[in-house]
Amino acid sequence: MKPSFTRGFRLHLPGGRHLDGAEFPSSRVYVLDDPEYGFATVATSLEHLLPSYHGARVEWPPVADQGTDAEPDPDAALHRSAEEDVTRVIDLYEQWVKAGPPPLGTSTSRWWDARLAELHNAIRPPADGAQQDGPQA
């Protein structure tokens, strides 16, 4: 797999010590031998690097940890929010169908105002979760 930018790895040495390294898209690798003094080993490829570290093994991070291969969907939150809005509106519709028409003697204007306030709250719920003030039927 050719990384789109750099890909980190850990080089485990036989004595139990490990070194941090990176592989670049050009296949060049960089291993930090001594972070305190800034000593590093650079090679044209991992195959050229490994003979310098006899018995070492390379550990790659899981694919999900690498941002280039597992990018989150930027629209996922928007889709989830839209689905929640539609679900609330459908639930409200079903509630209205069960309730039926306004009772006799109820002001139709007030009844519609209450339904519109309920619809507004279903589409844009109040931030604190409390019901907004509006006409009650």
N, C-alpha and C. Protein backbone atom coordinates (compact mmCIF):
# COMPACT_ATOMS: atom_id res chain seq x y z
N MET A 1 0.85 -1.18 0.00
CA MET A 1 0.00 0.00 0.00
C MET A 1 0.89 1.24 0.00
N LYS A 2 0.65 2.13 -0.93
CA LYS A 2 1.43 3.36 -1.03
C LYS A 2 0.66 4.47 -0.31
N PRO A 3 1.25 5.05 0.74
CA PRO A 3 0.54 6.09 1.48
C PRO A 3 0.41 7.36 0.66
N SER A 4 -0.64 8.13 0.93
CA SER A 4 -0.83 9.39 0.21
C SER A 4 0.04 10.50 0.78
N PHE A 5 0.50 10.33 2.03
CA PHE A 5 1.48 11.26 2.59
C PHE A 5 2.48 10.44 3.38
N THR A 6 2.62 10.65 4.63
CA THR A 6 3.55 9.81 5.40
C THR A 6 2.76 8.80 6.21
N ARG A 7 3.43 7.71 6.51
CA ARG A 7 2.81 6.65 7.30
C ARG A 7 3.79 6.28 8.40
N GLY A 8 3.35 6.43 9.62
CA GLY A 8 4.21 6.14 10.75
C GLY A 8 4.32 4.65 11.02
N PHE A 9 5.42 4.25 11.64
CA PHE A 9 5.59 2.86 12.05
C PHE A 9 6.50 2.82 13.26
N ARG A 10 6.54 1.67 13.88
CA ARG A 10 7.43 1.46 15.03
C ARG A 10 8.36 0.31 14.67
N LEU A 11 9.65 0.53 14.86
CA LEU A 11 10.67 -0.48 14.58
C LEU A 11 11.08 -1.11 15.91
N HIS A 12 10.73 -2.40 16.08
CA HIS A 12 11.03 -3.13 17.32
C HIS A 12 12.38 -3.81 17.17
N LEU A 13 13.31 -3.46 18.05
CA LEU A 13 14.65 -4.04 18.04
C LEU A 13 14.67 -5.30 18.91
N PRO A 14 15.61 -6.21 18.64
CA PRO A 14 15.66 -7.47 19.40
C PRO A 14 15.77 -7.29 20.92
N GLY A 15 16.41 -6.28 21.42
CA GLY A 15 16.58 -6.09 22.86
C GLY A 15 15.35 -5.57 23.57
N GLY A 16 14.24 -5.38 22.86
CA GLY A 16 13.03 -4.86 23.47
C GLY A 16 12.84 -3.36 23.27
N ARG A 17 13.84 -2.69 22.78
CA ARG A 17 13.74 -1.24 22.51
C ARG A 17 12.97 -1.04 21.21
N HIS A 18 12.32 0.08 21.07
CA HIS A 18 11.65 0.39 19.81
C HIS A 18 11.97 1.82 19.39
N LEU A 19 11.95 2.03 18.07
CA LEU A 19 12.23 3.34 17.48
C LEU A 19 11.04 3.76 16.63
N ASP A 20 10.78 5.05 16.60
CA ASP A 20 9.70 5.57 15.77
C ASP A 20 10.25 5.91 14.39
N GLY A 21 9.42 5.66 13.38
CA GLY A 21 9.84 5.95 12.01
C GLY A 21 8.67 6.38 11.16
N ALA A 22 9.00 6.79 9.93
CA ALA A 22 7.97 7.21 8.99
C ALA A 22 8.38 6.79 7.58
N GLU A 23 7.37 6.41 6.80
CA GLU A 23 7.58 6.07 5.40
C GLU A 23 6.89 7.15 4.57
N PHE A 24 7.62 7.70 3.61
CA PHE A 24 7.08 8.76 2.77
C PHE A 24 6.54 8.19 1.46
N PRO A 25 5.71 8.94 0.73
CA PRO A 25 5.16 8.43 -0.53
C PRO A 25 6.24 8.02 -1.53
N SER A 26 7.42 8.59 -1.43
CA SER A 26 8.51 8.24 -2.34
C SER A 26 9.17 6.92 -1.94
N SER A 27 8.66 6.27 -0.89
CA SER A 27 9.18 5.02 -0.32
C SER A 27 10.39 5.26 0.59
N ARG A 28 10.87 6.47 0.70
CA ARG A 28 11.98 6.76 1.61
C ARG A 28 11.48 6.59 3.04
N VAL A 29 12.37 6.14 3.93
CA VAL A 29 12.02 5.95 5.32
C VAL A 29 12.98 6.72 6.21
N TYR A 30 12.49 7.09 7.36
CA TYR A 30 13.23 7.90 8.33
C TYR A 30 12.98 7.27 9.69
N VAL A 31 14.03 6.91 10.41
CA VAL A 31 13.91 6.33 11.74
C VAL A 31 14.68 7.19 12.72
N LEU A 32 14.03 7.58 13.79
CA LEU A 32 14.65 8.41 14.81
C LEU A 32 15.36 7.50 15.82
N ASP A 33 16.71 7.46 15.71
CA ASP A 33 17.51 6.58 16.57
C ASP A 33 17.68 7.13 17.98
N ASP A 34 17.91 8.43 18.08
CA ASP A 34 18.13 9.03 19.39
C ASP A 34 17.42 10.38 19.41
N PRO A 35 16.19 10.42 19.95
CA PRO A 35 15.43 11.67 19.92
C PRO A 35 16.09 12.79 20.71
N GLU A 36 16.82 12.45 21.76
CA GLU A 36 17.45 13.48 22.58
C GLU A 36 18.48 14.27 21.80
N TYR A 37 19.27 13.59 20.97
CA TYR A 37 20.32 14.26 20.20
C TYR A 37 19.96 14.44 18.73
N GLY A 38 18.81 13.93 18.33
CA GLY A 38 18.36 14.12 16.95
C GLY A 38 19.02 13.21 15.94
N PHE A 39 19.60 12.10 16.38
CA PHE A 39 20.21 11.18 15.43
C PHE A 39 19.12 10.36 14.75
N ALA A 40 19.25 10.23 13.44
CA ALA A 40 18.26 9.50 12.66
C ALA A 40 18.94 8.71 11.56
N THR A 41 18.24 7.70 11.09
CA THR A 41 18.71 6.92 9.95
C THR A 41 17.70 7.11 8.84
N VAL A 42 18.21 7.37 7.64
CA VAL A 42 17.35 7.58 6.48
C VAL A 42 17.78 6.59 5.41
N ALA A 43 16.80 6.00 4.72
CA ALA A 43 17.10 5.05 3.66
C ALA A 43 16.13 5.27 2.51
N THR A 44 16.49 4.76 1.34
CA THR A 44 15.64 4.94 0.16
C THR A 44 14.40 4.05 0.19
N SER A 45 14.41 3.00 1.02
CA SER A 45 13.23 2.15 1.17
C SER A 45 13.35 1.37 2.46
N LEU A 46 12.26 0.78 2.87
CA LEU A 46 12.26 -0.03 4.08
C LEU A 46 13.16 -1.26 3.91
N GLU A 47 13.18 -1.79 2.68
CA GLU A 47 14.03 -2.95 2.39
C GLU A 47 15.52 -2.61 2.57
N HIS A 48 15.90 -1.39 2.27
CA HIS A 48 17.29 -0.96 2.45
C HIS A 48 17.59 -0.62 3.92
N LEU A 49 16.56 -0.27 4.68
CA LEU A 49 16.75 0.11 6.07
C LEU A 49 16.92 -1.11 6.99
N LEU A 50 16.10 -2.13 6.79
CA LEU A 50 16.06 -3.26 7.71
C LEU A 50 17.40 -3.99 7.90
N PRO A 51 18.26 -4.14 6.88
CA PRO A 51 19.55 -4.79 7.13
C PRO A 51 20.42 -4.04 8.15
N SER A 52 20.19 -2.74 8.31
CA SER A 52 20.95 -1.96 9.30
C SER A 52 20.54 -2.28 10.72
N TYR A 53 19.35 -2.85 10.89
CA TYR A 53 18.82 -3.19 12.21
C TYR A 53 18.55 -4.70 12.23
N HIS A 54 19.59 -5.49 12.36
CA HIS A 54 19.48 -6.95 12.29
C HIS A 54 18.48 -7.47 13.32
N GLY A 55 17.51 -8.25 12.84
CA GLY A 55 16.52 -8.86 13.72
C GLY A 55 15.36 -7.95 14.10
N ALA A 56 15.30 -6.76 13.57
CA ALA A 56 14.21 -5.84 13.91
C ALA A 56 12.96 -6.20 13.12
N ARG A 57 11.82 -5.85 13.69
CA ARG A 57 10.55 -6.05 12.97
C ARG A 57 9.78 -4.73 12.96
N VAL A 58 8.96 -4.55 11.93
CA VAL A 58 8.20 -3.32 11.74
C VAL A 58 6.77 -3.54 12.20
N GLU A 59 6.25 -2.60 12.97
CA GLU A 59 4.85 -2.63 13.40
C GLU A 59 4.14 -1.42 12.78
N TRP A 60 3.12 -1.70 11.99
CA TRP A 60 2.31 -0.64 11.37
C TRP A 60 1.08 -0.41 12.23
N PRO A 61 0.59 0.83 12.29
CA PRO A 61 -0.65 1.07 13.05
C PRO A 61 -1.83 0.47 12.30
N PRO A 62 -2.93 0.19 13.01
CA PRO A 62 -4.12 -0.32 12.32
C PRO A 62 -4.58 0.68 11.26
N VAL A 63 -5.18 0.17 10.20
CA VAL A 63 -5.61 1.02 9.08
C VAL A 63 -6.56 2.12 9.54
N ALA A 64 -7.46 1.82 10.49
CA ALA A 64 -8.43 2.83 10.95
C ALA A 64 -7.75 4.01 11.63
N ASP A 65 -6.53 3.81 12.17
CA ASP A 65 -5.82 4.91 12.83
C ASP A 65 -5.15 5.85 11.85
N GLN A 66 -5.07 5.48 10.59
CA GLN A 66 -4.40 6.31 9.60
C GLN A 66 -5.44 7.16 8.90
N GLY A 67 -5.34 8.47 9.07
CA GLY A 67 -6.34 9.39 8.55
C GLY A 67 -6.53 9.33 7.05
N THR A 68 -5.52 8.91 6.28
CA THR A 68 -5.63 8.92 4.84
C THR A 68 -6.53 7.81 4.31
N ASP A 69 -6.63 6.69 5.04
CA ASP A 69 -7.38 5.55 4.53
C ASP A 69 -8.81 5.49 5.06
N ALA A 70 -9.07 6.09 6.19
CA ALA A 70 -10.39 5.98 6.81
C ALA A 70 -10.91 7.36 7.16
N GLU A 71 -11.17 8.17 6.15
CA GLU A 71 -11.68 9.52 6.38
C GLU A 71 -13.14 9.45 6.81
N PRO A 72 -13.52 10.16 7.87
CA PRO A 72 -14.93 10.19 8.24
C PRO A 72 -15.73 10.95 7.20
N ASP A 73 -16.97 10.56 7.04
CA ASP A 73 -17.84 11.22 6.08
C ASP A 73 -18.23 12.58 6.65
N PRO A 74 -17.83 13.69 5.99
CA PRO A 74 -18.13 15.02 6.55
C PRO A 74 -19.63 15.31 6.57
N ASP A 75 -20.41 14.62 5.75
CA ASP A 75 -21.85 14.85 5.70
C ASP A 75 -22.62 13.91 6.62
N ALA A 76 -21.94 13.02 7.33
CA ALA A 76 -22.63 12.02 8.16
C ALA A 76 -23.49 12.69 9.23
N ALA A 77 -22.96 13.71 9.89
CA ALA A 77 -23.73 14.39 10.94
C ALA A 77 -24.94 15.09 10.34
N LEU A 78 -24.78 15.68 9.16
CA LEU A 78 -25.90 16.34 8.50
C LEU A 78 -26.99 15.34 8.14
N HIS A 79 -26.59 14.19 7.60
CA HIS A 79 -27.57 13.15 7.25
C HIS A 79 -28.28 12.63 8.49
N ARG A 80 -27.52 12.41 9.56
CA ARG A 80 -28.11 11.91 10.81
C ARG A 80 -29.12 12.93 11.35
N SER A 81 -28.75 14.22 11.30
CA SER A 81 -29.65 15.26 11.77
C SER A 81 -30.93 15.32 10.94
N ALA A 82 -30.80 15.21 9.63
CA ALA A 82 -31.97 15.24 8.75
C ALA A 82 -32.88 14.03 9.02
N GLU A 83 -32.28 12.87 9.22
CA GLU A 83 -33.08 11.68 9.53
C GLU A 83 -33.84 11.85 10.83
N GLU A 84 -33.18 12.44 11.83
CA GLU A 84 -33.85 12.68 13.12
C GLU A 84 -35.01 13.66 12.95
N ASP A 85 -34.81 14.72 12.15
CA ASP A 85 -35.88 15.69 11.90
C ASP A 85 -37.07 15.03 11.23
N VAL A 86 -36.81 14.23 10.21
CA VAL A 86 -37.90 13.56 9.49
C VAL A 86 -38.63 12.60 10.41
N THR A 87 -37.90 11.89 11.25
CA THR A 87 -38.53 10.95 12.18
C THR A 87 -39.45 11.69 13.15
N ARG A 88 -39.00 12.84 13.67
CA ARG A 88 -39.84 13.61 14.59
C ARG A 88 -41.09 14.12 13.90
N VAL A 89 -40.98 14.57 12.65
CA VAL A 89 -42.14 15.07 11.92
C VAL A 89 -43.13 13.93 11.63
N ILE A 90 -42.62 12.77 11.26
CA ILE A 90 -43.50 11.62 11.01
C ILE A 90 -44.22 11.21 12.29
N ASP A 91 -43.50 11.19 13.41
CA ASP A 91 -44.13 10.86 14.69
C ASP A 91 -45.23 11.87 15.02
N LEU A 92 -44.98 13.15 14.76
CA LEU A 92 -45.97 14.18 15.02
C LEU A 92 -47.19 13.99 14.12
N TYR A 93 -46.97 13.67 12.86
CA TYR A 93 -48.07 13.41 11.92
C TYR A 93 -48.94 12.27 12.44
N GLU A 94 -48.31 11.17 12.87
CA GLU A 94 -49.07 10.02 13.37
C GLU A 94 -49.86 10.41 14.62
N GLN A 95 -49.28 11.25 15.45
CA GLN A 95 -49.98 11.73 16.65
C GLN A 95 -51.21 12.54 16.25
N TRP A 96 -51.07 13.38 15.24
CA TRP A 96 -52.19 14.21 14.78
C TRP A 96 -53.29 13.35 14.17
N VAL A 97 -52.90 12.33 13.41
CA VAL A 97 -53.91 11.45 12.79
C VAL A 97 -54.73 10.76 13.88
N LYS A 98 -54.07 10.29 14.94
CA LYS A 98 -54.77 9.64 16.05
C LYS A 98 -55.69 10.61 16.77
N ALA A 99 -55.25 11.87 16.91
CA ALA A 99 -56.03 12.86 17.64
C ALA A 99 -57.28 13.29 16.87
N GLY A 100 -57.21 13.24 15.54
CA GLY A 100 -58.36 13.62 14.74
C GLY A 100 -58.54 15.13 14.66
N PRO A 101 -59.72 15.56 14.19
CA PRO A 101 -59.98 17.00 14.02
C PRO A 101 -60.13 17.69 15.38
N PRO A 102 -60.13 19.03 15.34
CA PRO A 102 -60.29 19.76 16.61
C PRO A 102 -61.67 19.46 17.22
N PRO A 103 -61.72 19.44 18.54
CA PRO A 103 -63.02 19.21 19.19
C PRO A 103 -63.99 20.35 18.87
N LEU A 104 -65.28 20.04 18.88
CA LEU A 104 -66.29 21.07 18.62
C LEU A 104 -66.16 22.19 19.65
N GLY A 105 -66.31 23.39 19.17
CA GLY A 105 -66.25 24.54 20.05
C GLY A 105 -64.84 25.10 20.22
N THR A 106 -63.83 24.44 19.67
CA THR A 106 -62.45 24.93 19.77
C THR A 106 -62.20 25.90 18.63
N SER A 107 -61.53 26.98 18.93
CA SER A 107 -61.17 27.96 17.91
C SER A 107 -60.21 27.29 16.91
N THR A 108 -60.60 27.29 15.65
CA THR A 108 -59.77 26.67 14.61
C THR A 108 -58.42 27.37 14.50
N SER A 109 -58.44 28.70 14.64
CA SER A 109 -57.18 29.45 14.55
C SER A 109 -56.22 29.03 15.66
N ARG A 110 -56.71 28.94 16.88
CA ARG A 110 -55.86 28.53 18.00
C ARG A 110 -55.38 27.09 17.81
N TRP A 111 -56.29 26.24 17.32
CA TRP A 111 -55.94 24.84 17.10
C TRP A 111 -54.80 24.73 16.07
N TRP A 112 -54.92 25.48 14.96
CA TRP A 112 -53.86 25.48 13.94
C TRP A 112 -52.57 26.09 14.47
N ASP A 113 -52.68 27.17 15.25
CA ASP A 113 -51.49 27.77 15.84
C ASP A 113 -50.74 26.76 16.71
N ALA A 114 -51.50 25.99 17.49
CA ALA A 114 -50.87 24.97 18.35
C ALA A 114 -50.18 23.90 17.50
N ARG A 115 -50.84 23.48 16.40
CA ARG A 115 -50.23 22.47 15.52
C ARG A 115 -48.96 23.01 14.87
N LEU A 116 -48.99 24.28 14.45
CA LEU A 116 -47.81 24.88 13.82
C LEU A 116 -46.66 25.00 14.83
N ALA A 117 -46.97 25.33 16.08
CA ALA A 117 -45.93 25.39 17.12
C ALA A 117 -45.34 24.00 17.35
N GLU A 118 -46.19 22.97 17.37
CA GLU A 118 -45.70 21.59 17.52
C GLU A 118 -44.81 21.21 16.34
N LEU A 119 -45.22 21.59 15.15
CA LEU A 119 -44.43 21.28 13.95
C LEU A 119 -43.08 21.99 14.00
N HIS A 120 -43.10 23.25 14.41
CA HIS A 120 -41.85 24.01 14.53
C HIS A 120 -40.91 23.33 15.52
N ASN A 121 -41.45 22.91 16.67
CA ASN A 121 -40.62 22.25 17.67
C ASN A 121 -40.13 20.88 17.21
N ALA A 122 -40.87 20.23 16.33
CA ALA A 122 -40.42 18.94 15.80
C ALA A 122 -39.27 19.15 14.81
N ILE A 123 -39.34 20.22 14.03
CA ILE A 123 -38.30 20.48 13.04
C ILE A 123 -37.07 21.10 13.70
N ARG A 124 -37.27 22.07 14.55
CA ARG A 124 -36.18 22.75 15.26
C ARG A 124 -36.47 22.66 16.75
N PRO A 125 -36.06 21.57 17.40
CA PRO A 125 -36.35 21.43 18.82
C PRO A 125 -35.69 22.53 19.64
N PRO A 126 -36.33 22.94 20.71
CA PRO A 126 -35.72 23.94 21.59
C PRO A 126 -34.39 23.42 22.11
N ALA A 127 -33.42 24.30 22.28
CA ALA A 127 -32.07 23.91 22.70
C ALA A 127 -32.06 23.23 24.06
N ASP A 128 -32.87 23.70 25.00
CA ASP A 128 -32.84 23.13 26.34
C ASP A 128 -33.80 21.95 26.51
N GLY A 129 -34.51 21.56 25.45
CA GLY A 129 -35.41 20.42 25.52
C GLY A 129 -36.78 20.76 26.06
N ALA A 130 -36.98 21.98 26.56
CA ALA A 130 -38.28 22.38 27.10
C ALA A 130 -39.18 22.82 25.96
N GLN A 131 -40.47 22.72 26.17
CA GLN A 131 -41.43 23.17 25.18
C GLN A 131 -41.38 24.68 25.08
N GLN A 132 -41.44 25.20 23.85
CA GLN A 132 -41.50 26.64 23.67
C GLN A 132 -42.92 27.10 23.96
N ASP A 133 -43.02 28.35 24.38
CA ASP A 133 -44.34 28.89 24.65
C ASP A 133 -45.09 29.03 23.33
N GLY A 134 -46.29 28.65 23.35
CA GLY A 134 -47.14 28.76 22.17
C GLY A 134 -48.56 28.47 22.56
N PRO A 135 -49.48 28.68 21.65
CA PRO A 135 -50.88 28.43 21.97
C PRO A 135 -51.09 26.95 22.27
N GLN A 136 -51.92 26.67 23.23
CA GLN A 136 -52.23 25.29 23.60
C GLN A 136 -53.69 25.02 23.22
N ALA A 137 -53.94 23.83 22.70
CA ALA A 137 -55.31 23.49 22.32
C ALA A 137 -55.87 22.51 23.31
